[in-house]
Amino acid sequence: MIDGSTSLTGIQNGVTSLRQQAHTVATEPAGGRESTTAQVGMIASQNQVEASVKTLQAEDRMIGSLLDVRA
């Protein structure tokens, strides 16, 4: 079944992780290990959100195609 819930969960998890990593970057000394690790984590979170958005877009196109076929 195509419902988009997995994609939306991926987006939500990515945004939550991004916020946590951003907080770490904002509160830790610049150039420190924690700050650097958090910056890498921010990139990973961004990639997760982008991948989830692309999956949601593909699901949307598939639903649209199915509706076109049934019409």
PDB file of N, CA and C in Angstrom:
ATOM      1  N   MET A   1       0.845  -1.182   0.000  1.00  0.00           N
ATOM      2  CA  MET A   1       0.000   0.000   0.000  1.00  0.00           C
ATOM      3  C   MET A   1       0.889   1.244   0.000  1.00  0.00           C
ATOM      4  N   ILE A   2       0.490   2.209  -0.755  1.00  0.00           N
ATOM      5  CA  ILE A   2       1.232   3.459  -0.847  1.00  0.00           C
ATOM      6  C   ILE A   2       0.495   4.502  -0.003  1.00  0.00           C
ATOM      7  N   ASP A   3       1.098   4.886   1.117  1.00  0.00           N
ATOM      8  CA  ASP A   3       0.433   5.877   1.958  1.00  0.00           C
ATOM      9  C   ASP A   3       1.358   7.016   2.368  1.00  0.00           C
ATOM     10  N   GLY A   4       2.636   6.918   2.097  1.00  0.00           N
ATOM     11  CA  GLY A   4       3.555   8.005   2.391  1.00  0.00           C
ATOM     12  C   GLY A   4       3.996   8.111   3.831  1.00  0.00           C
ATOM     13  N   SER A   5       3.494   7.244   4.708  1.00  0.00           N
ATOM     14  CA  SER A   5       3.822   7.376   6.128  1.00  0.00           C
ATOM     15  C   SER A   5       5.306   7.138   6.397  1.00  0.00           C
ATOM     16  N   THR A   6       5.910   6.201   5.681  1.00  0.00           N
ATOM     17  CA  THR A   6       7.337   5.940   5.882  1.00  0.00           C
ATOM     18  C   THR A   6       8.165   7.146   5.467  1.00  0.00           C
ATOM     19  N   SER A   7       7.801   7.754   4.348  1.00  0.00           N
ATOM     20  CA  SER A   7       8.516   8.940   3.883  1.00  0.00           C
ATOM     21  C   SER A   7       8.360  10.100   4.857  1.00  0.00           C
ATOM     22  N   LEU A   8       7.150  10.291   5.345  1.00  0.00           N
ATOM     23  CA  LEU A   8       6.911  11.385   6.294  1.00  0.00           C
ATOM     24  C   LEU A   8       7.669  11.157   7.599  1.00  0.00           C
ATOM     25  N   THR A   9       7.725   9.899   8.039  1.00  0.00           N
ATOM     26  CA  THR A   9       8.494   9.574   9.232  1.00  0.00           C
ATOM     27  C   THR A   9       9.972   9.871   9.010  1.00  0.00           C
ATOM     28  N   GLY A  10      10.478   9.543   7.834  1.00  0.00           N
ATOM     29  CA  GLY A  10      11.874   9.838   7.507  1.00  0.00           C
ATOM     30  C   GLY A  10      12.154  11.329   7.525  1.00  0.00           C
ATOM     31  N   ILE A  11      11.227  12.112   7.011  1.00  0.00           N
ATOM     32  CA  ILE A  11      11.386  13.573   7.023  1.00  0.00           C
ATOM     33  C   ILE A  11      11.379  14.085   8.462  1.00  0.00           C
ATOM     34  N   GLN A  12      10.431  13.624   9.248  1.00  0.00           N
ATOM     35  CA  GLN A  12      10.341  14.060  10.648  1.00  0.00           C
ATOM     36  C   GLN A  12      11.596  13.681  11.433  1.00  0.00           C
ATOM     37  N   ASN A  13      12.063  12.461  11.259  1.00  0.00           N
ATOM     38  CA  ASN A  13      13.275  12.030  11.967  1.00  0.00           C
ATOM     39  C   ASN A  13      14.488  12.843  11.534  1.00  0.00           C
ATOM     40  N   GLY A  14      14.587  13.121  10.247  1.00  0.00           N
ATOM     41  CA  GLY A  14      15.704  13.910   9.745  1.00  0.00           C
ATOM     42  C   GLY A  14      15.708  15.324  10.297  1.00  0.00           C
ATOM     43  N   VAL A  15      14.534  15.934  10.344  1.00  0.00           N
ATOM     44  CA  VAL A  15      14.432  17.302  10.863  1.00  0.00           C
ATOM     45  C   VAL A  15      14.732  17.327  12.365  1.00  0.00           C
ATOM     46  N   THR A  16      14.239  16.338  13.091  1.00  0.00           N
ATOM     47  CA  THR A  16      14.527  16.263  14.532  1.00  0.00           C
ATOM     48  C   THR A  16      16.021  16.119  14.771  1.00  0.00           C
ATOM     49  N   SER A  17      16.659  15.238  14.029  1.00  0.00           N
ATOM     50  CA  SER A  17      18.100  15.044  14.165  1.00  0.00           C
ATOM     51  C   SER A  17      18.857  16.315  13.793  1.00  0.00           C
ATOM     52  N   LEU A  18      18.409  16.970  12.733  1.00  0.00           N
ATOM     53  CA  LEU A  18      19.056  18.212  12.299  1.00  0.00           C
ATOM     54  C   LEU A  18      18.988  19.276  13.396  1.00  0.00           C
ATOM     55  N   ARG A  19      17.845  19.388  14.045  1.00  0.00           N
ATOM     56  CA  ARG A  19      17.697  20.361  15.139  1.00  0.00           C
ATOM     57  C   ARG A  19      18.633  20.038  16.306  1.00  0.00           C
ATOM     58  N   GLN A  20      18.728  18.754  16.639  1.00  0.00           N
ATOM     59  CA  GLN A  20      19.612  18.355  17.740  1.00  0.00           C
ATOM     60  C   GLN A  20      21.072  18.653  17.397  1.00  0.00           C
ATOM     61  N   GLN A  21      21.452  18.336  16.174  1.00  0.00           N
ATOM     62  CA  GLN A  21      22.835  18.582  15.747  1.00  0.00           C
ATOM     63  C   GLN A  21      23.125  20.092  15.713  1.00  0.00           C
ATOM     64  N   ALA A  22      22.155  20.870  15.248  1.00  0.00           N
ATOM     65  CA  ALA A  22      22.336  22.326  15.199  1.00  0.00           C
ATOM     66  C   ALA A  22      22.513  22.896  16.601  1.00  0.00           C
ATOM     67  N   HIS A  23      21.775  22.360  17.560  1.00  0.00           N
ATOM     68  CA  HIS A  23      21.919  22.808  18.949  1.00  0.00           C
ATOM     69  C   HIS A  23      23.329  22.520  19.454  1.00  0.00           C
ATOM     70  N   THR A  24      23.838  21.340  19.127  1.00  0.00           N
ATOM     71  CA  THR A  24      25.194  20.983  19.545  1.00  0.00           C
ATOM     72  C   THR A  24      26.214  21.927  18.931  1.00  0.00           C
ATOM     73  N   VAL A  25      26.057  22.222  17.639  1.00  0.00           N
ATOM     74  CA  VAL A  25      26.987  23.146  16.973  1.00  0.00           C
ATOM     75  C   VAL A  25      26.922  24.520  17.627  1.00  0.00           C
ATOM     76  N   ALA A  26      25.727  24.956  17.987  1.00  0.00           N
ATOM     77  CA  ALA A  26      25.556  26.294  18.569  1.00  0.00           C
ATOM     78  C   ALA A  26      26.109  26.400  19.979  1.00  0.00           C
ATOM     79  N   THR A  27      26.139  25.290  20.710  1.00  0.00           N
ATOM     80  CA  THR A  27      26.536  25.378  22.114  1.00  0.00           C
ATOM     81  C   THR A  27      27.961  24.897  22.401  1.00  0.00           C
ATOM     82  N   GLU A  28      28.550  24.139  21.491  1.00  0.00           N
ATOM     83  CA  GLU A  28      29.908  23.631  21.701  1.00  0.00           C
ATOM     84  C   GLU A  28      30.931  24.602  21.119  1.00  0.00           C
ATOM     85  N   PRO A  29      32.162  24.590  21.648  1.00  0.00           N
ATOM     86  CA  PRO A  29      33.203  25.445  21.088  1.00  0.00           C
ATOM     87  C   PRO A  29      33.488  25.088  19.628  1.00  0.00           C
ATOM     88  N   ALA A  30      33.699  26.102  18.806  1.00  0.00           N
ATOM     89  CA  ALA A  30      33.977  25.890  17.385  1.00  0.00           C
ATOM     90  C   ALA A  30      35.272  25.101  17.214  1.00  0.00           C
ATOM     91  N   GLY A  31      35.251  24.175  16.293  1.00  0.00           N
ATOM     92  CA  GLY A  31      36.437  23.379  16.010  1.00  0.00           C
ATOM     93  C   GLY A  31      36.639  22.199  16.929  1.00  0.00           C
ATOM     94  N   GLY A  32      35.796  22.063  17.946  1.00  0.00           N
ATOM     95  CA  GLY A  32      35.901  20.941  18.873  1.00  0.00           C
ATOM     96  C   GLY A  32      35.358  19.673  18.240  1.00  0.00           C
ATOM     97  N   ARG A  33      35.682  18.564  18.864  1.00  0.00           N
ATOM     98  CA  ARG A  33      35.260  17.264  18.325  1.00  0.00           C
ATOM     99  C   ARG A  33      33.747  17.151  18.252  1.00  0.00           C
ATOM    100  N   GLU A  34      33.052  17.559  19.304  1.00  0.00           N
ATOM    101  CA  GLU A  34      31.585  17.483  19.327  1.00  0.00           C
ATOM    102  C   GLU A  34      30.961  18.338  18.229  1.00  0.00           C
ATOM    103  N   SER A  35      31.508  19.530  18.054  1.00  0.00           N
ATOM    104  CA  SER A  35      30.991  20.438  17.032  1.00  0.00           C
ATOM    105  C   SER A  35      31.200  19.866  15.634  1.00  0.00           C
ATOM    106  N   THR A  36      32.375  19.325  15.403  1.00  0.00           N
ATOM    107  CA  THR A  36      32.671  18.748  14.089  1.00  0.00           C
ATOM    108  C   THR A  36      31.789  17.538  13.812  1.00  0.00           C
ATOM    109  N   THR A  37      31.631  16.683  14.809  1.00  0.00           N
ATOM    110  CA  THR A  37      30.770  15.507  14.657  1.00  0.00           C
ATOM    111  C   THR A  37      29.329  15.932  14.381  1.00  0.00           C
ATOM    112  N   ALA A  38      28.875  16.973  15.055  1.00  0.00           N
ATOM    113  CA  ALA A  38      27.511  17.465  14.855  1.00  0.00           C
ATOM    114  C   ALA A  38      27.338  18.039  13.445  1.00  0.00           C
ATOM    115  N   GLN A  39      28.357  18.688  12.923  1.00  0.00           N
ATOM    116  CA  GLN A  39      28.272  19.223  11.565  1.00  0.00           C
ATOM    117  C   GLN A  39      28.134  18.106  10.539  1.00  0.00           C
ATOM    118  N   VAL A  40      28.894  17.038  10.742  1.00  0.00           N
ATOM    119  CA  VAL A  40      28.767  15.875   9.864  1.00  0.00           C
ATOM    120  C   VAL A  40      27.371  15.270  10.010  1.00  0.00           C
ATOM    121  N   GLY A  41      26.877  15.213  11.230  1.00  0.00           N
ATOM    122  CA  GLY A  41      25.531  14.713  11.474  1.00  0.00           C
ATOM    123  C   GLY A  41      24.465  15.560  10.803  1.00  0.00           C
ATOM    124  N   MET A  42      24.699  16.859  10.739  1.00  0.00           N
ATOM    125  CA  MET A  42      23.753  17.749  10.067  1.00  0.00           C
ATOM    126  C   MET A  42      23.674  17.427   8.580  1.00  0.00           C
ATOM    127  N   ILE A  43      24.808  17.150   7.982  1.00  0.00           N
ATOM    128  CA  ILE A  43      24.822  16.790   6.560  1.00  0.00           C
ATOM    129  C   ILE A  43      24.081  15.476   6.343  1.00  0.00           C
ATOM    130  N   ALA A  44      24.314  14.506   7.223  1.00  0.00           N
ATOM    131  CA  ALA A  44      23.623  13.221   7.120  1.00  0.00           C
ATOM    132  C   ALA A  44      22.112  13.410   7.284  1.00  0.00           C
ATOM    133  N   SER A  45      21.714  14.261   8.208  1.00  0.00           N
ATOM    134  CA  SER A  45      20.289  14.526   8.425  1.00  0.00           C
ATOM    135  C   SER A  45      19.671  15.197   7.209  1.00  0.00           C
ATOM    136  N   GLN A  46      20.404  16.122   6.621  1.00  0.00           N
ATOM    137  CA  GLN A  46      19.927  16.792   5.412  1.00  0.00           C
ATOM    138  C   GLN A  46      19.727  15.774   4.291  1.00  0.00           C
ATOM    139  N   ASN A  47      20.683  14.868   4.137  1.00  0.00           N
ATOM    140  CA  ASN A  47      20.568  13.832   3.115  1.00  0.00           C
ATOM    141  C   ASN A  47      19.366  12.931   3.362  1.00  0.00           C
ATOM    142  N   GLN A  48      19.108  12.623   4.629  1.00  0.00           N
ATOM    143  CA  GLN A  48      17.954  11.794   4.977  1.00  0.00           C
ATOM    144  C   GLN A  48      16.653  12.493   4.591  1.00  0.00           C
ATOM    145  N   VAL A  49      16.559  13.767   4.898  1.00  0.00           N
ATOM    146  CA  VAL A  49      15.349  14.516   4.565  1.00  0.00           C
ATOM    147  C   VAL A  49      15.172  14.579   3.043  1.00  0.00           C
ATOM    148  N   GLU A  50      16.247  14.870   2.327  1.00  0.00           N
ATOM    149  CA  GLU A  50      16.155  14.960   0.869  1.00  0.00           C
ATOM    150  C   GLU A  50      15.746  13.629   0.251  1.00  0.00           C
ATOM    151  N   ALA A  51      16.300  12.525   0.744  1.00  0.00           N
ATOM    152  CA  ALA A  51      15.934  11.204   0.223  1.00  0.00           C
ATOM    153  C   ALA A  51      14.472  10.887   0.526  1.00  0.00           C
ATOM    154  N   SER A  52      14.020  11.242   1.709  1.00  0.00           N
ATOM    155  CA  SER A  52      12.625  10.983   2.079  1.00  0.00           C
ATOM    156  C   SER A  52      11.668  11.821   1.239  1.00  0.00           C
ATOM    157  N   VAL A  53      12.049  13.047   0.946  1.00  0.00           N
ATOM    158  CA  VAL A  53      11.217  13.903   0.088  1.00  0.00           C
ATOM    159  C   VAL A  53      11.126  13.295  -1.308  1.00  0.00           C
ATOM    160  N   LYS A  54      12.243  12.827  -1.834  1.00  0.00           N
ATOM    161  CA  LYS A  54      12.224  12.214  -3.169  1.00  0.00           C
ATOM    162  C   LYS A  54      11.354  10.957  -3.182  1.00  0.00           C
ATOM    163  N   THR A  55      11.408  10.187  -2.106  1.00  0.00           N
ATOM    164  CA  THR A  55      10.561   8.996  -2.011  1.00  0.00           C
ATOM    165  C   THR A  55       9.093   9.391  -1.972  1.00  0.00           C
ATOM    166  N   LEU A  56       8.764  10.420  -1.217  1.00  0.00           N
ATOM    167  CA  LEU A  56       7.383  10.890  -1.138  1.00  0.00           C
ATOM    168  C   LEU A  56       6.912  11.395  -2.502  1.00  0.00           C
ATOM    169  N   GLN A  57       7.783  12.099  -3.222  1.00  0.00           N
ATOM    170  CA  GLN A  57       7.431  12.574  -4.559  1.00  0.00           C
ATOM    171  C   GLN A  57       7.180  11.402  -5.504  1.00  0.00           C
ATOM    172  N   ALA A  58       7.995  10.359  -5.411  1.00  0.00           N
ATOM    173  CA  ALA A  58       7.800   9.181  -6.259  1.00  0.00           C
ATOM    174  C   ALA A  58       6.483   8.499  -5.928  1.00  0.00           C
ATOM    175  N   GLU A  59       6.164   8.406  -4.637  1.00  0.00           N
ATOM    176  CA  GLU A  59       4.887   7.818  -4.236  1.00  0.00           C
ATOM    177  C   GLU A  59       3.718   8.630  -4.784  1.00  0.00           C
ATOM    178  N   ASP A  60       3.854   9.945  -4.744  1.00  0.00           N
ATOM    179  CA  ASP A  60       2.807  10.825  -5.249  1.00  0.00           C
ATOM    180  C   ASP A  60       2.612  10.611  -6.750  1.00  0.00           C
ATOM    181  N   ARG A  61       3.718  10.492  -7.483  1.00  0.00           N
ATOM    182  CA  ARG A  61       3.618  10.248  -8.926  1.00  0.00           C
ATOM    183  C   ARG A  61       2.964   8.890  -9.210  1.00  0.00           C
ATOM    184  N   MET A  62       3.324   7.891  -8.406  1.00  0.00           N
ATOM    185  CA  MET A  62       2.746   6.561  -8.600  1.00  0.00           C
ATOM    186  C   MET A  62       1.242   6.575  -8.355  1.00  0.00           C
ATOM    187  N   ILE A  63       0.819   7.250  -7.323  1.00  0.00           N
ATOM    188  CA  ILE A  63      -0.620   7.354  -7.030  1.00  0.00           C
ATOM    189  C   ILE A  63      -1.321   8.076  -8.164  1.00  0.00           C
ATOM    190  N   GLY A  64      -0.699   9.141  -8.641  1.00  0.00           N
ATOM    191  CA  GLY A  64      -1.268   9.878  -9.779  1.00  0.00           C
ATOM    192  C   GLY A  64      -1.405   8.999 -11.009  1.00  0.00           C
ATOM    193  N   SER A  65      -0.389   8.182 -11.262  1.00  0.00           N
ATOM    194  CA  SER A  65      -0.443   7.278 -12.415  1.00  0.00           C
ATOM    195  C   SER A  65      -1.527   6.236 -12.235  1.00  0.00           C
ATOM    196  N   LEU A  66      -1.654   5.705 -11.023  1.00  0.00           N
ATOM    197  CA  LEU A  66      -2.701   4.715 -10.769  1.00  0.00           C
ATOM    198  C   LEU A  66      -4.092   5.320 -10.978  1.00  0.00           C
ATOM    199  N   LEU A  67      -4.257   6.553 -10.536  1.00  0.00           N
ATOM    200  CA  LEU A  67      -5.561   7.205 -10.717  1.00  0.00           C
ATOM    201  C   LEU A  67      -5.839   7.457 -12.198  1.00  0.00           C
ATOM    202  N   ASP A  68      -4.786   7.796 -12.949  1.00  0.00           N
ATOM    203  CA  ASP A  68      -4.955   8.018 -14.380  1.00  0.00           C
ATOM    204  C   ASP A  68      -5.355   6.727 -15.087  1.00  0.00           C
ATOM    205  N   VAL A  69      -4.770   5.607 -14.669  1.00  0.00           N
ATOM    206  CA  VAL A  69      -5.079   4.308 -15.266  1.00  0.00           C
ATOM    207  C   VAL A  69      -6.527   3.917 -14.984  1.00  0.00           C
ATOM    208  N   ARG A  70      -6.973   4.189 -13.768  1.00  0.00           N
ATOM    209  CA  ARG A  70      -8.336   3.808 -13.374  1.00  0.00           C
ATOM    210  C   ARG A  70      -9.379   4.708 -14.003  1.00  0.00           C
ATOM    211  N   ALA A  71      -9.010   5.893 -14.399  1.00  0.00           N
ATOM    212  CA  ALA A  71      -9.987   6.856 -14.939  1.00  0.00           C
ATOM    213  C   ALA A  71     -10.421   6.502 -16.344  1.00  0.00           C
TER     214      ALA A  71
END
